[in-house]
PDB file of N, CA and C in Angstrom:
ATOM      1  N   MET A   1      84.397  97.240 109.577  1.00  0.00           N
ATOM      2  CA  MET A   1      85.740  97.748 109.654  1.00  0.00           C
ATOM      3  C   MET A   1      85.683  99.238 109.915  1.00  0.00           C
ATOM      4  N   ARG A   2      86.727  99.730 110.474  1.00  0.00           N
ATOM      5  CA  ARG A   2      86.753 101.146 110.784  1.00  0.00           C
ATOM      6  C   ARG A   2      87.961 101.795 110.122  1.00  0.00           C
ATOM      7  N   ASN A   3      87.790 103.036 109.787  1.00  0.00           N
ATOM      8  CA  ASN A   3      88.873 103.799 109.178  1.00  0.00           C
ATOM      9  C   ASN A   3      89.031 105.135 109.869  1.00  0.00           C
ATOM     10  N   GLY A   4      88.722 105.207 111.150  1.00  0.00           N
ATOM     11  CA  GLY A   4      88.839 106.454 111.879  1.00  0.00           C
ATOM     12  C   GLY A   4      90.287 106.834 112.119  1.00  0.00           C
ATOM     13  N   GLN A   5      90.483 108.083 112.442  1.00  0.00           N
ATOM     14  CA  GLN A   5      91.836 108.549 112.743  1.00  0.00           C
ATOM     15  C   GLN A   5      92.206 108.109 114.152  1.00  0.00           C
ATOM     16  N   ARG A   6      93.477 107.810 114.338  1.00  0.00           N
ATOM     17  CA  ARG A   6      93.926 107.411 115.667  1.00  0.00           C
ATOM     18  C   ARG A   6      94.154 108.654 116.513  1.00  0.00           C
ATOM     19  N   THR A   7      93.970 108.491 117.800  1.00  0.00           N
ATOM     20  CA  THR A   7      94.267 109.568 118.723  1.00  0.00           C
ATOM     21  C   THR A   7      95.777 109.674 118.837  1.00  0.00           C
ATOM     22  N   ASP A   8      96.303 110.882 118.790  1.00  0.00           N
ATOM     23  CA  ASP A   8      97.750 111.058 118.865  1.00  0.00           C
ATOM     24  C   ASP A   8      98.239 110.686 120.259  1.00  0.00           C
ATOM     25  N   ILE A   9      99.039 109.635 120.325  1.00  0.00           N
ATOM     26  CA  ILE A   9      99.557 109.163 121.607  1.00  0.00           C
ATOM     27  C   ILE A   9     101.076 109.268 121.644  1.00  0.00           C
ATOM     28  N   GLY A  10     101.649 109.965 120.712  1.00  0.00           N
ATOM     29  CA  GLY A  10     103.096 110.106 120.669  1.00  0.00           C
ATOM     30  C   GLY A  10     103.711 109.028 119.799  1.00  0.00           C
ATOM     31  N   PRO A  11     105.050 109.005 119.750  1.00  0.00           N
ATOM     32  CA  PRO A  11     105.743 108.009 118.923  1.00  0.00           C
ATOM     33  C   PRO A  11     105.474 106.597 119.429  1.00  0.00           C
ATOM     34  N   ILE A  12     105.202 105.706 118.521  1.00  0.00           N
ATOM     35  CA  ILE A  12     104.937 104.310 118.876  1.00  0.00           C
ATOM     36  C   ILE A  12     106.171 103.482 118.543  1.00  0.00           C
ATOM     37  N   ASN A  13     106.657 102.743 119.522  1.00  0.00           N
ATOM     38  CA  ASN A  13     107.845 101.907 119.340  1.00  0.00           C
ATOM     39  C   ASN A  13     107.495 100.458 119.070  1.00  0.00           C
ATOM     40  N   GLY A  14     106.244 100.100 119.140  1.00  0.00           N
ATOM     41  CA  GLY A  14     105.822  98.733 118.909  1.00  0.00           C
ATOM     42  C   GLY A  14     104.466  98.492 119.543  1.00  0.00           C
ATOM     43  N   PHE A  15     104.075  97.217 119.590  1.00  0.00           N
ATOM     44  CA  PHE A  15     102.795  96.843 120.165  1.00  0.00           C
ATOM     45  C   PHE A  15     102.961  95.605 121.022  1.00  0.00           C
ATOM     46  N   HIS A  16     102.173  95.518 122.059  1.00  0.00           N
ATOM     47  CA  HIS A  16     102.118  94.311 122.878  1.00  0.00           C
ATOM     48  C   HIS A  16     100.847  93.559 122.511  1.00  0.00           C
ATOM     49  N   LEU A  17     100.967  92.254 122.335  1.00  0.00           N
ATOM     50  CA  LEU A  17      99.822  91.392 122.090  1.00  0.00           C
ATOM     51  C   LEU A  17      99.828  90.282 123.123  1.00  0.00           C
ATOM     52  N   SER A  18      98.646  89.881 123.541  1.00  0.00           N
ATOM     53  CA  SER A  18      98.562  88.713 124.402  1.00  0.00           C
ATOM     54  C   SER A  18      98.911  87.484 123.561  1.00  0.00           C
ATOM     55  N   LEU A  19      99.235  86.396 124.216  1.00  0.00           N
ATOM     56  CA  LEU A  19      99.550  85.166 123.491  1.00  0.00           C
ATOM     57  C   LEU A  19      98.370  84.730 122.636  1.00  0.00           C
ATOM     58  N   LYS A  20      97.171  84.844 123.177  1.00  0.00           N
ATOM     59  CA  LYS A  20      95.952  84.474 122.433  1.00  0.00           C
ATOM     60  C   LYS A  20      95.844  85.285 121.141  1.00  0.00           C
ATOM     61  N   ASP A  21      96.065  86.586 121.232  1.00  0.00           N
ATOM     62  CA  ASP A  21      95.957  87.436 120.050  1.00  0.00           C
ATOM     63  C   ASP A  21      97.097  87.192 119.068  1.00  0.00           C
ATOM     64  N   TYR A  22      98.272  86.875 119.585  1.00  0.00           N
ATOM     65  CA  TYR A  22      99.398  86.518 118.722  1.00  0.00           C
ATOM     66  C   TYR A  22      99.083  85.250 117.935  1.00  0.00           C
ATOM     67  N   VAL A  23      98.493  84.264 118.611  1.00  0.00           N
ATOM     68  CA  VAL A  23      98.101  83.020 117.942  1.00  0.00           C
ATOM     69  C   VAL A  23      97.018  83.308 116.905  1.00  0.00           C
ATOM     70  N   ASN A  24      96.040  84.155 117.246  1.00  0.00           N
ATOM     71  CA  ASN A  24      94.986  84.514 116.290  1.00  0.00           C
ATOM     72  C   ASN A  24      95.564  85.195 115.055  1.00  0.00           C
ATOM     73  N   LEU A  25      96.565  86.028 115.242  1.00  0.00           N
ATOM     74  CA  LEU A  25      97.202  86.695 114.111  1.00  0.00           C
ATOM     75  C   LEU A  25      97.901  85.681 113.211  1.00  0.00           C
ATOM     76  N   GLY A  26      98.586  84.714 113.814  1.00  0.00           N
ATOM     77  CA  GLY A  26      99.227  83.651 113.034  1.00  0.00           C
ATOM     78  C   GLY A  26      98.214  82.803 112.293  1.00  0.00           C
ATOM     79  N   GLN A  27      97.074  82.519 112.927  1.00  0.00           N
ATOM     80  CA  GLN A  27      96.026  81.735 112.267  1.00  0.00           C
ATOM     81  C   GLN A  27      95.422  82.507 111.104  1.00  0.00           C
ATOM     82  N   ALA A  28      95.251  83.809 111.266  1.00  0.00           N
ATOM     83  CA  ALA A  28      94.734  84.630 110.164  1.00  0.00           C
ATOM     84  C   ALA A  28      95.696  84.588 108.984  1.00  0.00           C
ATOM     85  N   ARG A  29      97.007  84.672 109.258  1.00  0.00           N
ATOM     86  CA  ARG A  29      98.019  84.568 108.204  1.00  0.00           C
ATOM     87  C   ARG A  29      97.907  83.223 107.488  1.00  0.00           C
ATOM     88  N   ASP A  30      97.771  82.154 108.266  1.00  0.00           N
ATOM     89  CA  ASP A  30      97.673  80.820 107.678  1.00  0.00           C
ATOM     90  C   ASP A  30      96.413  80.671 106.831  1.00  0.00           C
ATOM     91  N   GLN A  31      95.302  81.259 107.289  1.00  0.00           N
ATOM     92  CA  GLN A  31      94.057  81.191 106.528  1.00  0.00           C
ATOM     93  C   GLN A  31      94.176  81.956 105.214  1.00  0.00           C
ATOM     94  N   LEU A  32      94.862  83.089 105.235  1.00  0.00           N
ATOM     95  CA  LEU A  32      95.086  83.831 103.987  1.00  0.00           C
ATOM     96  C   LEU A  32      95.926  83.017 103.013  1.00  0.00           C
ATOM     97  N   ARG A  33      96.944  82.333 103.524  1.00  0.00           N
ATOM     98  CA  ARG A  33      97.766  81.475 102.650  1.00  0.00           C
ATOM     99  C   ARG A  33      96.928  80.346 102.064  1.00  0.00           C
ATOM    100  N   LEU A  34      96.071  79.745 102.885  1.00  0.00           N
ATOM    101  CA  LEU A  34      95.197  78.671 102.405  1.00  0.00           C
ATOM    102  C   LEU A  34      94.258  79.188 101.321  1.00  0.00           C
ATOM    103  N   LEU A  35      93.667  80.353 101.534  1.00  0.00           N
ATOM    104  CA  LEU A  35      92.788  80.932 100.514  1.00  0.00           C
ATOM    105  C   LEU A  35      93.556  81.195  99.221  1.00  0.00           C
ATOM    106  N   GLY A  36      94.796  81.654  99.353  1.00  0.00           N
ATOM    107  CA  GLY A  36      95.635  81.859  98.167  1.00  0.00           C
ATOM    108  C   GLY A  36      95.888  80.557  97.436  1.00  0.00           C
ATOM    109  N   ASP A  37      96.172  79.492  98.192  1.00  0.00           N
ATOM    110  CA  ASP A  37      96.402  78.180  97.575  1.00  0.00           C
ATOM    111  C   ASP A  37      95.140  77.656  96.891  1.00  0.00           C
ATOM    112  N   LEU A  38      93.999  77.834  97.540  1.00  0.00           N
ATOM    113  CA  LEU A  38      92.740  77.346  96.963  1.00  0.00           C
ATOM    114  C   LEU A  38      92.343  78.121  95.711  1.00  0.00           C
ATOM    115  N   ALA A  39      92.758  79.376  95.631  1.00  0.00           N
ATOM    116  CA  ALA A  39      92.399  80.204  94.484  1.00  0.00           C
ATOM    117  C   ALA A  39      93.366  80.045  93.314  1.00  0.00           C
ATOM    118  N   ALA A  40      94.496  79.384  93.541  1.00  0.00           N
ATOM    119  CA  ALA A  40      95.495  79.235  92.482  1.00  0.00           C
ATOM    120  C   ALA A  40      95.092  78.139  91.496  1.00  0.00           C
ATOM    121  N   PRO A  41      95.329  78.357  90.195  1.00  0.00           N
ATOM    122  CA  PRO A  41      95.059  77.303  89.213  1.00  0.00           C
ATOM    123  C   PRO A  41      95.940  76.085  89.500  1.00  0.00           C
ATOM    124  N   VAL A  42      95.391  74.915  89.216  1.00  0.00           N
ATOM    125  CA  VAL A  42      96.126  73.673  89.472  1.00  0.00           C
ATOM    126  C   VAL A  42      96.521  73.053  88.141  1.00  0.00           C
ATOM    127  N   GLY A  43      97.830  72.938  87.892  1.00  0.00           N
ATOM    128  CA  GLY A  43      98.314  72.284  86.685  1.00  0.00           C
ATOM    129  C   GLY A  43      98.109  73.113  85.428  1.00  0.00           C
ATOM    130  N   GLU A  44      98.667  72.608  84.335  1.00  0.00           N
ATOM    131  CA  GLU A  44      98.519  73.289  83.051  1.00  0.00           C
ATOM    132  C   GLU A  44      97.117  73.112  82.511  1.00  0.00           C
ATOM    133  N   GLY A  45      96.618  74.138  81.903  1.00  0.00           N
ATOM    134  CA  GLY A  45      95.293  74.077  81.304  1.00  0.00           C
ATOM    135  C   GLY A  45      94.164  74.133  82.315  1.00  0.00           C
ATOM    136  N   ALA A  46      94.501  74.404  83.584  1.00  0.00           N
ATOM    137  CA  ALA A  46      93.456  74.487  84.612  1.00  0.00           C
ATOM    138  C   ALA A  46      92.604  75.727  84.345  1.00  0.00           C
ATOM    139  N   ASP A  47      91.310  75.586  84.582  1.00  0.00           N
ATOM    140  CA  ASP A  47      90.451  76.751  84.384  1.00  0.00           C
ATOM    141  C   ASP A  47      90.615  77.701  85.568  1.00  0.00           C
ATOM    142  N   ASP A  48      90.010  78.851  85.457  1.00  0.00           N
ATOM    143  CA  ASP A  48      90.180  79.882  86.465  1.00  0.00           C
ATOM    144  C   ASP A  48      89.162  79.782  87.597  1.00  0.00           C
ATOM    145  N   ARG A  49      88.388  78.722  87.648  1.00  0.00           N
ATOM    146  CA  ARG A  49      87.421  78.561  88.731  1.00  0.00           C
ATOM    147  C   ARG A  49      88.135  78.082  89.987  1.00  0.00           C
ATOM    148  N   ILE A  50      87.633  78.519  91.137  1.00  0.00           N
ATOM    149  CA  ILE A  50      88.233  78.093  92.396  1.00  0.00           C
ATOM    150  C   ILE A  50      87.377  77.017  93.043  1.00  0.00           C
ATOM    151  N   ALA A  51      87.969  76.326  94.010  1.00  0.00           N
ATOM    152  CA  ALA A  51      87.310  75.172  94.621  1.00  0.00           C
ATOM    153  C   ALA A  51      86.293  75.561  95.688  1.00  0.00           C
ATOM    154  N   LEU A  52      86.123  76.825  95.969  1.00  0.00           N
ATOM    155  CA  LEU A  52      85.184  77.276  96.993  1.00  0.00           C
ATOM    156  C   LEU A  52      83.984  77.957  96.355  1.00  0.00           C
ATOM    157  N   SER A  53      82.834  77.784  96.982  1.00  0.00           N
ATOM    158  CA  SER A  53      81.666  78.528  96.512  1.00  0.00           C
ATOM    159  C   SER A  53      81.824  79.992  96.910  1.00  0.00           C
ATOM    160  N   ALA A  54      81.086  80.854  96.261  1.00  0.00           N
ATOM    161  CA  ALA A  54      81.154  82.282  96.589  1.00  0.00           C
ATOM    162  C   ALA A  54      80.745  82.511  98.043  1.00  0.00           C
ATOM    163  N   GLU A  55      79.757  81.770  98.510  1.00  0.00           N
ATOM    164  CA  GLU A  55      79.295  81.908  99.900  1.00  0.00           C
ATOM    165  C   GLU A  55      80.388  81.494 100.889  1.00  0.00           C
ATOM    166  N   ALA A  56      81.062  80.380 100.616  1.00  0.00           N
ATOM    167  CA  ALA A  56      82.132  79.917 101.500  1.00  0.00           C
ATOM    168  C   ALA A  56      83.300  80.903 101.495  1.00  0.00           C
ATOM    169  N   LEU A  57      83.637  81.424 100.326  1.00  0.00           N
ATOM    170  CA  LEU A  57      84.726  82.389 100.224  1.00  0.00           C
ATOM    171  C   LEU A  57      84.387  83.663 100.998  1.00  0.00           C
ATOM    172  N   ALA A  58      83.154  84.150 100.849  1.00  0.00           N
ATOM    173  CA  ALA A  58      82.725  85.343 101.578  1.00  0.00           C
ATOM    174  C   ALA A  58      82.777  85.091 103.082  1.00  0.00           C
ATOM    175  N   ASP A  59      82.357  83.912 103.522  1.00  0.00           N
ATOM    176  CA  ASP A  59      82.391  83.573 104.939  1.00  0.00           C
ATOM    177  C   ASP A  59      83.828  83.586 105.461  1.00  0.00           C
ATOM    178  N   CYS A  60      84.761  83.067 104.678  1.00  0.00           N
ATOM    179  CA  CYS A  60      86.175  83.070 105.072  1.00  0.00           C
ATOM    180  C   CYS A  60      86.688  84.491 105.250  1.00  0.00           C
ATOM    181  N   PHE A  61      86.354  85.374 104.327  1.00  0.00           N
ATOM    182  CA  PHE A  61      86.815  86.755 104.432  1.00  0.00           C
ATOM    183  C   PHE A  61      86.191  87.471 105.627  1.00  0.00           C
ATOM    184  N   VAL A  62      84.926  87.207 105.903  1.00  0.00           N
ATOM    185  CA  VAL A  62      84.267  87.822 107.066  1.00  0.00           C
ATOM    186  C   VAL A  62      84.935  87.340 108.353  1.00  0.00           C
ATOM    187  N   ARG A  63      85.195  86.043 108.451  1.00  0.00           N
ATOM    188  CA  ARG A  63      85.848  85.502 109.646  1.00  0.00           C
ATOM    189  C   ARG A  63      87.243  86.082 109.824  1.00  0.00           C
ATOM    190  N   LEU A  64      87.986  86.198 108.733  1.00  0.00           N
ATOM    191  CA  LEU A  64      89.332  86.788 108.809  1.00  0.00           C
ATOM    192  C   LEU A  64      89.263  88.243 109.273  1.00  0.00           C
ATOM    193  N   ALA A  65      88.330  88.993 108.732  1.00  0.00           N
ATOM    194  CA  ALA A  65      88.187  90.394 109.123  1.00  0.00           C
ATOM    195  C   ALA A  65      87.851  90.507 110.607  1.00  0.00           C
ATOM    196  N   GLU A  66      86.977  89.640 111.102  1.00  0.00           N
ATOM    197  CA  GLU A  66      86.612  89.668 112.517  1.00  0.00           C
ATOM    198  C   GLU A  66      87.801  89.306 113.401  1.00  0.00           C
ATOM    199  N   GLU A  67      88.575  88.297 113.001  1.00  0.00           N
ATOM    200  CA  GLU A  67      89.751  87.913 113.778  1.00  0.00           C
ATOM    201  C   GLU A  67      90.778  89.045 113.810  1.00  0.00           C
ATOM    202  N   LEU A  68      91.029  89.646 112.662  1.00  0.00           N
ATOM    203  CA  LEU A  68      92.003  90.740 112.603  1.00  0.00           C
ATOM    204  C   LEU A  68      91.510  91.961 113.375  1.00  0.00           C
ATOM    205  N   GLU A  69      90.230  92.220 113.342  1.00  0.00           N
ATOM    206  CA  GLU A  69      89.657  93.330 114.112  1.00  0.00           C
ATOM    207  C   GLU A  69      89.904  93.114 115.605  1.00  0.00           C
ATOM    208  N   GLY A  70      89.732  91.876 116.062  1.00  0.00           N
ATOM    209  CA  GLY A  70      89.988  91.559 117.462  1.00  0.00           C
ATOM    210  C   GLY A  70      91.442  91.763 117.839  1.00  0.00           C
ATOM    211  N   VAL A  71      92.351  91.381 116.955  1.00  0.00           N
ATOM    212  CA  VAL A  71      93.779  91.568 117.218  1.00  0.00           C
ATOM    213  C   VAL A  71      94.121  93.055 117.259  1.00  0.00           C
ATOM    214  N   ILE A  72      93.576  93.810 116.326  1.00  0.00           N
ATOM    215  CA  ILE A  72      93.833  95.255 116.297  1.00  0.00           C
ATOM    216  C   ILE A  72      93.322  95.908 117.576  1.00  0.00           C
ATOM    217  N   ASP A  73      92.122  95.521 118.008  1.00  0.00           N
ATOM    218  CA  ASP A  73      91.554  96.100 119.224  1.00  0.00           C
ATOM    219  C   ASP A  73      92.371  95.733 120.461  1.00  0.00           C
ATOM    220  N   ALA A  74      92.973  94.557 120.452  1.00  0.00           N
ATOM    221  CA  ALA A  74      93.719  94.084 121.627  1.00  0.00           C
ATOM    222  C   ALA A  74      95.155  94.601 121.660  1.00  0.00           C
ATOM    223  N   ALA A  75      95.667  95.068 120.529  1.00  0.00           N
ATOM    224  CA  ALA A  75      97.057  95.526 120.488  1.00  0.00           C
ATOM    225  C   ALA A  75      97.223  96.776 121.343  1.00  0.00           C
ATOM    226  N   THR A  76      98.206  96.748 122.204  1.00  0.00           N
ATOM    227  CA  THR A  76      98.501  97.870 123.085  1.00  0.00           C
ATOM    228  C   THR A  76      99.757  98.575 122.589  1.00  0.00           C
ATOM    229  N   PRO A  77      99.631  99.840 122.177  1.00  0.00           N
ATOM    230  CA  PRO A  77     100.808 100.567 121.700  1.00  0.00           C
ATOM    231  C   PRO A  77     101.840 100.737 122.812  1.00  0.00           C
ATOM    232  N   VAL A  78     103.095 100.620 122.444  1.00  0.00           N
ATOM    233  CA  VAL A  78     104.207 100.870 123.352  1.00  0.00           C
ATOM    234  C   VAL A  78     104.813 102.203 122.928  1.00  0.00           C
ATOM    235  N   THR A  79     104.731 103.179 123.795  1.00  0.00           N
ATOM    236  CA  THR A  79     105.261 104.496 123.467  1.00  0.00           C
ATOM    237  C   THR A  79     106.594 104.725 124.166  1.00  0.00           C
ATOM    238  N   ALA A  80     107.291 105.727 123.681  1.00  0.00           N
ATOM    239  CA  ALA A  80     108.615 106.038 124.223  1.00  0.00           C
ATOM    240  C   ALA A  80     108.533 106.547 125.648  1.00  0.00           C
TER     241      ALA A  80
END
């Protein structure tokens, strides 16, 4: 991941995404919701353990980060 400063390109009014990147962004959102559901306790008295192994959970987060990085790189700022 990167945390560099953006180059000043003036006021940004929005971003353009290709359809592919828009779909990837929606899939990333859905995967985050799924991870939230899998991490939630089920029923009363449920223990705090989740249904995923630590390795599988880490893999999910890495894949999400890579997908979001691709969307960020593909987003084209729309300036005034």
